[in-house]
Protein backbone atom coordinates (compact mmCIF):
# COMPACT_ATOMS: atom_id res chain seq x y z
CA MET A 1 3.45 -23.12 16.09
CA ASN A 2 2.37 -26.68 15.36
CA GLY A 3 -0.13 -26.18 18.63
CA GLN A 4 -2.00 -23.01 16.75
CA ILE A 5 -2.18 -24.82 13.60
CA GLU A 6 -3.52 -27.93 15.35
CA TRP A 7 -6.11 -26.25 16.82
CA LEU A 8 -7.25 -24.13 13.83
CA ARG A 9 -7.63 -27.37 11.92
CA SER A 10 -9.62 -28.89 14.50
CA LYS A 11 -12.12 -25.93 14.83
CA SER A 12 -12.01 -23.98 11.38
CA PRO A 13 -14.45 -25.64 8.93
CA ALA A 14 -12.61 -24.02 5.98
CA LEU A 15 -9.42 -25.78 7.43
CA ARG A 16 -10.38 -28.68 8.49
CA SER A 17 -9.51 -30.45 4.42
CA ALA A 18 -5.60 -28.14 4.64
CA VAL A 19 -2.85 -30.10 3.93
CA GLY A 20 -0.06 -28.24 4.01
CA PHE A 21 0.98 -25.12 5.90
CA GLU A 22 4.21 -23.36 4.40
CA PRO A 23 5.55 -19.84 6.29
CA ILE A 24 5.22 -16.95 3.92
CA THR A 25 8.23 -14.51 5.32
CA ASN A 26 9.03 -11.76 2.91
CA GLY A 27 7.27 -8.33 4.15
CA PHE A 28 6.83 -6.42 7.56
CA SER A 29 3.50 -7.39 8.91
CA THR A 30 3.96 -8.43 12.39
CA ASP A 31 1.03 -11.65 11.62
CA ARG A 32 2.19 -14.95 10.92
CA LYS A 33 1.52 -15.94 7.55
CA TYR A 34 0.53 -19.64 5.95
CA LEU A 35 0.56 -20.32 2.45
CA VAL A 36 -2.73 -23.71 2.68
CA ARG A 37 -2.55 -25.86 0.43
CA MET A 38 -6.35 -27.74 0.21
CA LEU A 39 -6.89 -31.38 -0.19
CA SER A 40 -8.62 -29.61 -3.59
CA GLU A 41 -5.12 -28.07 -4.54
CA GLU A 42 -6.99 -24.69 -3.90
CA ARG A 43 -4.89 -22.86 -2.25
CA ARG A 44 -5.46 -19.85 0.44
CA ILE A 45 -3.85 -16.97 2.83
CA LEU A 46 -3.92 -17.88 6.74
CA ARG A 47 -2.63 -14.75 8.80
CA ILE A 48 -2.83 -14.81 12.38
CA ALA A 49 -2.45 -12.25 14.88
CA ASP A 50 -1.68 -11.78 18.69
CA GLN A 51 -5.43 -11.77 20.32
CA SER A 52 -4.69 -7.88 20.75
CA ASN A 53 -5.13 -7.71 17.47
CA TRP A 54 -8.64 -9.28 17.14
CA GLU A 55 -11.11 -6.01 16.71
CA ARG A 56 -8.66 -4.89 13.61
CA LYS A 57 -8.34 -7.99 12.46
CA ARG A 58 -12.24 -8.47 12.17
CA SER A 59 -12.59 -4.62 11.09
CA GLU A 60 -10.12 -6.30 8.03
CA PHE A 61 -11.94 -9.03 6.86
CA HIS A 62 -15.13 -7.53 6.88
CA ILE A 63 -14.08 -4.40 4.53
CA LEU A 64 -12.36 -6.95 2.44
CA HIS A 65 -15.87 -8.42 2.33
CA ALA A 66 -17.19 -5.08 1.43
CA LEU A 67 -14.69 -3.93 -0.92
CA GLN A 68 -15.84 -7.18 -3.29
CA PRO A 69 -18.48 -5.50 -5.02
CA PHE A 70 -16.08 -2.79 -6.46
CA GLY A 71 -14.61 -5.41 -8.78
CA ALA A 72 -10.92 -4.87 -7.76
CA SER A 73 -8.85 -8.19 -7.96
CA ILE A 74 -8.27 -8.38 -3.97
CA PRO A 75 -8.34 -11.75 -1.94
CA GLN A 76 -11.88 -12.87 -0.79
CA PRO A 77 -12.81 -13.33 2.99
CA ILE A 78 -13.19 -16.94 3.81
CA GLU A 79 -13.17 -17.14 7.39
CA TYR A 80 -12.04 -15.41 10.48
CA GLY A 81 -12.13 -16.54 14.89
CA ILE A 82 -10.29 -16.22 17.84
CA SER A 83 -8.64 -18.34 20.38
CA GLU A 84 -8.72 -17.12 24.39
CA ASP A 85 -6.64 -20.31 25.18
CA LEU A 86 -4.11 -19.77 22.77
CA GLN A 87 -4.06 -16.12 22.77
CA ILE A 88 -4.45 -15.56 18.80
CA CYS A 89 -6.85 -14.73 16.06
CA TYR A 90 -6.80 -15.48 12.44
CA ILE A 91 -8.35 -14.46 9.15
CA LEU A 92 -8.26 -17.00 5.85
CA LEU A 93 -8.18 -15.30 2.12
CA SER A 94 -8.09 -16.66 -0.93
CA HIS A 95 -5.17 -16.32 -2.13
CA ILE A 96 -4.00 -14.62 -5.73
CA ASP A 97 -1.98 -16.56 -7.84
CA GLY A 98 1.10 -14.59 -8.90
CA GLU A 99 4.39 -13.40 -7.74
CA VAL A 100 5.46 -9.76 -6.30
CA ALA A 101 5.68 -7.32 -8.39
CA ARG A 102 8.74 -5.90 -7.01
CA ASP A 103 10.32 -9.25 -8.59
CA MET A 104 8.90 -9.40 -11.93
CA LEU A 105 8.56 -6.25 -12.93
CA PRO A 106 12.54 -5.75 -13.77
CA LEU A 107 12.24 -9.13 -15.88
CA CYS A 108 8.93 -7.08 -18.33
CA THR A 109 9.73 -4.83 -20.91
CA GLU A 110 8.91 -1.16 -20.26
CA GLU A 111 5.76 -1.24 -22.16
CA GLU A 112 4.98 -4.18 -19.95
CA GLN A 113 5.26 -2.41 -16.70
CA PHE A 114 3.43 0.73 -17.84
CA PHE A 115 -0.14 -1.52 -18.23
CA ILE A 116 0.71 -3.54 -15.16
CA GLY A 117 1.30 -0.27 -13.58
CA TRP A 118 -2.00 0.74 -15.34
CA GLN A 119 -4.31 -2.01 -14.40
CA ALA A 120 -2.91 -1.91 -10.58
CA GLY A 121 -4.35 2.55 -10.97
CA GLN A 122 -7.71 0.97 -11.80
CA ASP A 123 -7.66 -1.29 -9.32
CA LEU A 124 -6.84 1.15 -6.29
CA ARG A 125 -9.65 3.69 -8.02
CA LYS A 126 -12.21 1.05 -7.94
CA LEU A 127 -10.83 0.52 -3.81
CA HIS A 128 -11.58 3.57 -3.13
CA GLN A 129 -15.09 4.09 -4.06
CA LEU A 130 -15.58 2.70 -0.58
CA HIS A 131 -16.64 5.19 2.28
CA ALA A 132 -15.17 5.68 5.79
CA PRO A 133 -17.55 4.27 8.39
CA SER A 134 -20.22 8.06 9.74
CA GLY A 135 -17.90 8.12 12.78
CA ILE A 136 -14.55 8.38 11.27
CA PRO A 137 -13.19 11.87 12.10
CA ALA A 138 -12.85 14.51 9.43
CA TRP A 139 -9.41 13.79 7.78
CA HIS A 140 -7.71 17.15 7.26
CA SER A 141 -7.58 16.99 11.53
CA ARG A 142 -6.35 13.47 11.88
CA ALA A 143 -3.51 13.80 9.16
CA VAL A 144 -2.25 17.01 10.82
CA GLN A 145 -2.09 15.23 14.21
CA LYS A 146 -0.09 12.60 12.82
CA HIS A 147 2.06 14.37 11.24
CA ALA A 148 2.84 16.66 14.07
CA ARG A 149 3.48 13.37 15.85
CA TYR A 150 5.86 12.02 13.49
CA LEU A 151 7.74 15.57 13.06
CA GLU A 152 8.33 15.10 17.06
CA ALA A 153 9.39 11.96 17.13
CA TYR A 154 11.88 12.52 13.87
CA ARG A 155 13.76 15.14 15.90
CA THR A 156 14.73 12.80 18.16
CA ALA A 157 15.53 9.94 15.35
CA GLY A 158 18.90 10.44 15.16
CA SER A 159 19.02 10.86 11.43
CA ALA A 160 18.46 13.83 9.67
CA ILE A 161 16.80 14.26 6.14
CA PRO A 162 19.01 17.27 3.98
CA HIS A 163 16.99 20.56 4.23
CA ASP A 164 14.56 19.25 6.37
CA GLU A 165 13.45 22.56 7.57
CA LYS A 166 12.75 23.53 3.91
CA ILE A 167 10.46 20.32 3.56
CA MET A 168 8.65 21.09 6.84
CA ALA A 169 8.14 24.66 5.54
CA PHE A 170 6.68 23.53 2.63
CA VAL A 171 3.80 20.58 4.34
CA GLU A 172 3.28 23.78 7.11
CA GLU A 173 2.53 25.94 3.89
CA HIS A 174 0.42 23.52 1.93
CA LYS A 175 -1.62 21.62 4.24
CA ALA A 176 -4.76 23.78 4.19
CA TYR A 177 -4.97 21.95 1.20
CA LEU A 178 -6.13 18.92 3.17
CA ARG A 179 -9.26 20.19 4.09
CA LYS A 180 -12.55 19.05 2.51
CA ARG A 181 -11.26 16.46 1.22
CA PRO A 182 -13.31 13.13 1.14
CA ASN A 183 -12.92 10.44 3.49
CA ARG A 184 -12.38 7.03 1.72
CA PHE A 185 -10.79 3.91 2.00
CA GLN A 186 -7.25 3.30 2.02
CA HIS A 187 -5.36 0.51 1.64
CA ASP A 188 -2.18 2.31 3.17
CA ASP A 189 0.58 -0.16 1.63
CA PHE A 190 -0.47 0.06 -2.44
CA HIS A 191 3.43 -0.38 -3.73
CA VAL A 192 4.83 -3.13 -5.83
CA GLY A 193 5.44 -5.32 -2.62
CA ASN A 194 1.94 -5.50 -2.31
CA LEU A 195 0.77 -6.45 -6.02
CA ILE A 196 0.61 -9.49 -7.46
CA VAL A 197 2.03 -9.85 -10.97
CA LYS A 198 1.47 -13.18 -13.35
CA ASP A 199 2.65 -13.75 -17.06
CA LYS A 200 3.33 -10.20 -17.14
CA GLN A 201 -0.13 -9.08 -16.07
CA TYR A 202 -1.46 -7.60 -13.04
CA ALA A 203 -3.50 -9.57 -11.35
CA GLY A 204 -4.36 -8.47 -7.67
CA THR A 205 -3.72 -6.25 -4.82
CA ILE A 206 -2.34 -7.83 -1.01
CA ASP A 207 -1.78 -7.34 2.75
CA PHE A 208 -5.03 -4.75 3.51
CA ASP A 209 -3.59 -5.00 7.62
CA ARG A 210 -2.71 -1.49 7.73
CA PHE A 211 -6.40 -0.16 6.34
CA ASP A 212 -7.12 3.29 7.22
CA TRP A 213 -9.19 5.90 5.93
CA GLY A 214 -8.85 9.28 4.59
CA ASP A 215 -8.17 11.29 1.00
CA PRO A 216 -7.37 8.43 -1.74
CA ILE A 217 -4.67 10.97 -3.21
CA CYS A 218 -2.52 10.23 0.28
CA ASP A 219 -2.27 6.03 -1.23
CA PHE A 220 0.08 7.46 -3.55
CA CYS A 221 2.57 8.20 -0.95
CA LYS A 222 4.34 4.61 -1.26
CA LEU A 223 4.52 4.40 -5.32
CA ALA A 224 7.17 7.24 -4.04
CA LEU A 225 8.91 5.53 -1.42
CA PHE A 226 8.83 2.28 -3.34
CA SER A 227 7.70 1.57 -6.52
CA ARG A 228 9.70 4.28 -8.14
CA GLU A 229 13.01 2.86 -7.52
CA VAL A 230 11.66 -0.55 -9.34
CA SER A 231 9.83 0.81 -12.07
CA VAL A 232 9.41 4.51 -13.37
CA PRO A 233 6.84 3.01 -16.24
CA PHE A 234 4.90 1.56 -13.41
CA CYS A 235 4.28 4.59 -11.50
CA PHE A 236 3.52 6.22 -15.15
CA GLY A 237 0.98 3.56 -15.12
CA GLN A 238 -0.35 3.87 -11.99
CA ILE A 239 -0.80 7.38 -11.40
CA ILE A 240 -2.26 7.65 -15.83
CA GLY A 241 -4.22 5.04 -15.45
CA TYR A 242 -5.74 5.47 -12.42
CA PHE A 243 -7.23 8.75 -13.73
CA TYR A 244 -7.84 7.73 -17.11
CA PRO A 245 -10.02 8.41 -19.55
CA ARG A 246 -10.22 11.96 -16.94
CA LYS A 247 -6.66 13.63 -17.72
CA ILE A 248 -4.72 14.20 -13.71
CA PRO A 249 -6.48 16.97 -12.22
CA PRO A 250 -4.13 19.98 -11.20
CA GLU A 251 -5.10 19.15 -7.85
CA PHE A 252 -3.55 15.99 -7.49
CA TRP A 253 0.68 17.28 -7.51
CA THR A 254 0.18 19.47 -5.23
CA LEU A 255 -1.86 16.91 -2.90
CA TYR A 256 0.50 13.86 -4.13
CA ALA A 257 3.86 16.28 -3.07
CA VAL A 258 2.12 17.31 0.58
CA TYR A 259 1.65 13.60 1.77
CA VAL A 260 4.90 12.52 0.19
CA ALA A 261 6.88 15.56 1.69
CA MET A 262 5.07 14.38 5.24
CA SER A 263 5.98 10.62 4.38
CA LEU A 264 10.00 11.37 4.43
CA PHE A 265 9.58 12.00 8.05
CA SER A 266 7.64 8.99 9.25
CA ALA A 267 9.77 6.79 6.64
CA VAL A 268 12.46 8.16 9.06
CA VAL A 269 11.04 7.19 12.27
CA TRP A 270 9.91 3.97 10.68
CA THR A 271 13.80 2.95 9.78
CA ALA A 272 15.43 4.18 13.30
CA GLN A 273 14.40 0.74 15.30
CA MET A 274 15.90 -1.16 12.10
CA GLY A 275 19.13 -2.36 11.35
CA HIS A 276 22.06 -0.20 9.93
CA GLU A 277 21.80 -1.40 6.57
CA GLN A 278 17.97 -1.17 6.44
CA ARG A 279 18.30 2.49 7.95
CA GLN A 280 20.76 3.65 5.17
CA GLU A 281 18.46 2.27 2.65
CA MET A 282 15.38 4.35 3.47
CA LEU A 283 17.34 7.12 3.74
CA GLY A 284 18.80 7.07 0.44
CA ARG A 285 15.13 6.52 -0.65
CA VAL A 286 14.11 9.97 0.67
CA GLN A 287 17.35 11.47 -0.68
CA LEU A 288 15.82 10.55 -3.71
CA ILE A 289 12.53 11.57 -3.30
CA ALA A 290 13.29 14.68 -1.70
CA GLU A 291 16.00 15.30 -4.99
CA ASP A 292 12.94 14.62 -7.28
CA HIS A 293 10.85 16.90 -5.96
CA LEU A 294 13.84 19.90 -5.91
CA TYR A 295 12.99 19.85 -1.98
CA PHE A 296 9.63 20.87 -2.77
CA GLU A 297 10.40 23.24 -4.50
CA ARG A 298 8.09 21.60 -7.40
CA MET A 299 5.24 19.64 -7.30
CA GLU A 300 5.10 17.57 -9.70
CA PRO A 301 8.28 15.46 -9.43
CA VAL A 302 11.33 15.47 -11.75
CA TRP A 303 10.82 11.42 -13.68
CA PHE A 304 6.96 12.39 -14.38
CA SER A 305 7.96 15.71 -15.87
CA GLN A 306 10.77 14.35 -18.51
CA ASP A 307 8.17 11.17 -19.70
CA ARG A 308 4.87 12.78 -19.04
CA ASP A 309 4.40 13.38 -23.11
CA LYS A 310 6.01 9.75 -24.15
CA TRP A 311 3.47 7.86 -21.33
CA GLU A 312 0.39 10.08 -21.89
CA ALA A 313 0.82 9.16 -25.93
CA PHE A 314 1.38 5.46 -25.30
CA ALA A 315 -2.03 4.91 -23.14
CA GLN A 316 -4.10 6.68 -25.93
CA SER A 317 -2.60 4.40 -28.33
CA HIS A 318 -2.43 1.36 -26.64
CA CYS A 319 -4.53 1.19 -23.06
CA GLN A 320 -8.51 2.19 -24.84
CA HIS A 321 -11.34 0.49 -23.55
C-alpha cells in the first residue's frame, strides 16, 4: 500500500503537498479510502480502486462534477487518474467535516434529529434533478429484471423471510406502478451511514460509488433498511423535507412499499456472504420492515402513521423557509 501512496504523491499534482494519509476503515465499499492531510491543513478524501473499476470511478468523478450546480452539500471532485503499472485507479475529493449521522443522531434531541433528516431530504431532492444519460434503458425493465435475479438468488441463499410468498405476490401485483417512472440520478446508498453531521446540523452526503439511474423514490429504500432503526424522527424529516412545501403525494407510498419489499430479498442475498452475526442483524431488520408494513398489507409503514400529524405540524411551525 505504501508503494501506491508514494506513486500517487509523485504523480498527482493535487497530492504533492500531502503530509499524511490516514486509512478510513468504516463502510462496506471495496475502495481503499484515506483521509489526506495537506500542508495547508486542508483535508481531502482519496479513494483507490482496482484498475478494473476505472470506467466506473471515472463516471463517479464526472457525475459528482455534474451534480455541483444543483447546490447539494456533496464532495467536490478534485482529480482522478489511473496507474496501469500498479493496476489501480483513484479519485480525490474534498472532505466534508463532521461525524457520521448514524453515530451522532442518538446524541441529538428528537427535534434535532427531525431537522437533520429534513435537510438531508432537501439535499436528496437536489441530487434527483440530474437526468439520466439518453442511452440508459427504461427504469421499469431494469428494476423488474434486477428483482427477478435477486429472487432467484434468494431462493438458494439459505435464509427465509417470514411470509415471503406473500411479499413476492405483493411486488408482482404492484410492479406495473414502476412503468413510466423518471430516469434520474440515484445515490443508491442514501442512509445515516453515508450522511455527515456537524454541530447537530446536516453537513453533507458522501460515498457516491454505488450511484445508479432510475426512479428517485427508490432512493428511500435504505431509509427503511438502515435509517429507521437509528432514528424515526430523522426518517420523518427526510420524507417530509424531500417534498416540502408540497404534501407527500399519494403515489409515493405505493412506490416506496414496492421498492422496500423488493429490497428485502436483495438484502438477504447480500448478507448471505457475511458472518453469522451480521447476517442475523440484517434478518432482524428485514423482519422489522415487514412488520412495519404488516407484511405489505399496507403501503405506509406503521411508524409513520402513528406520528404523522405530530411531525407534519412540527414542520409547518419550525421549518418554514
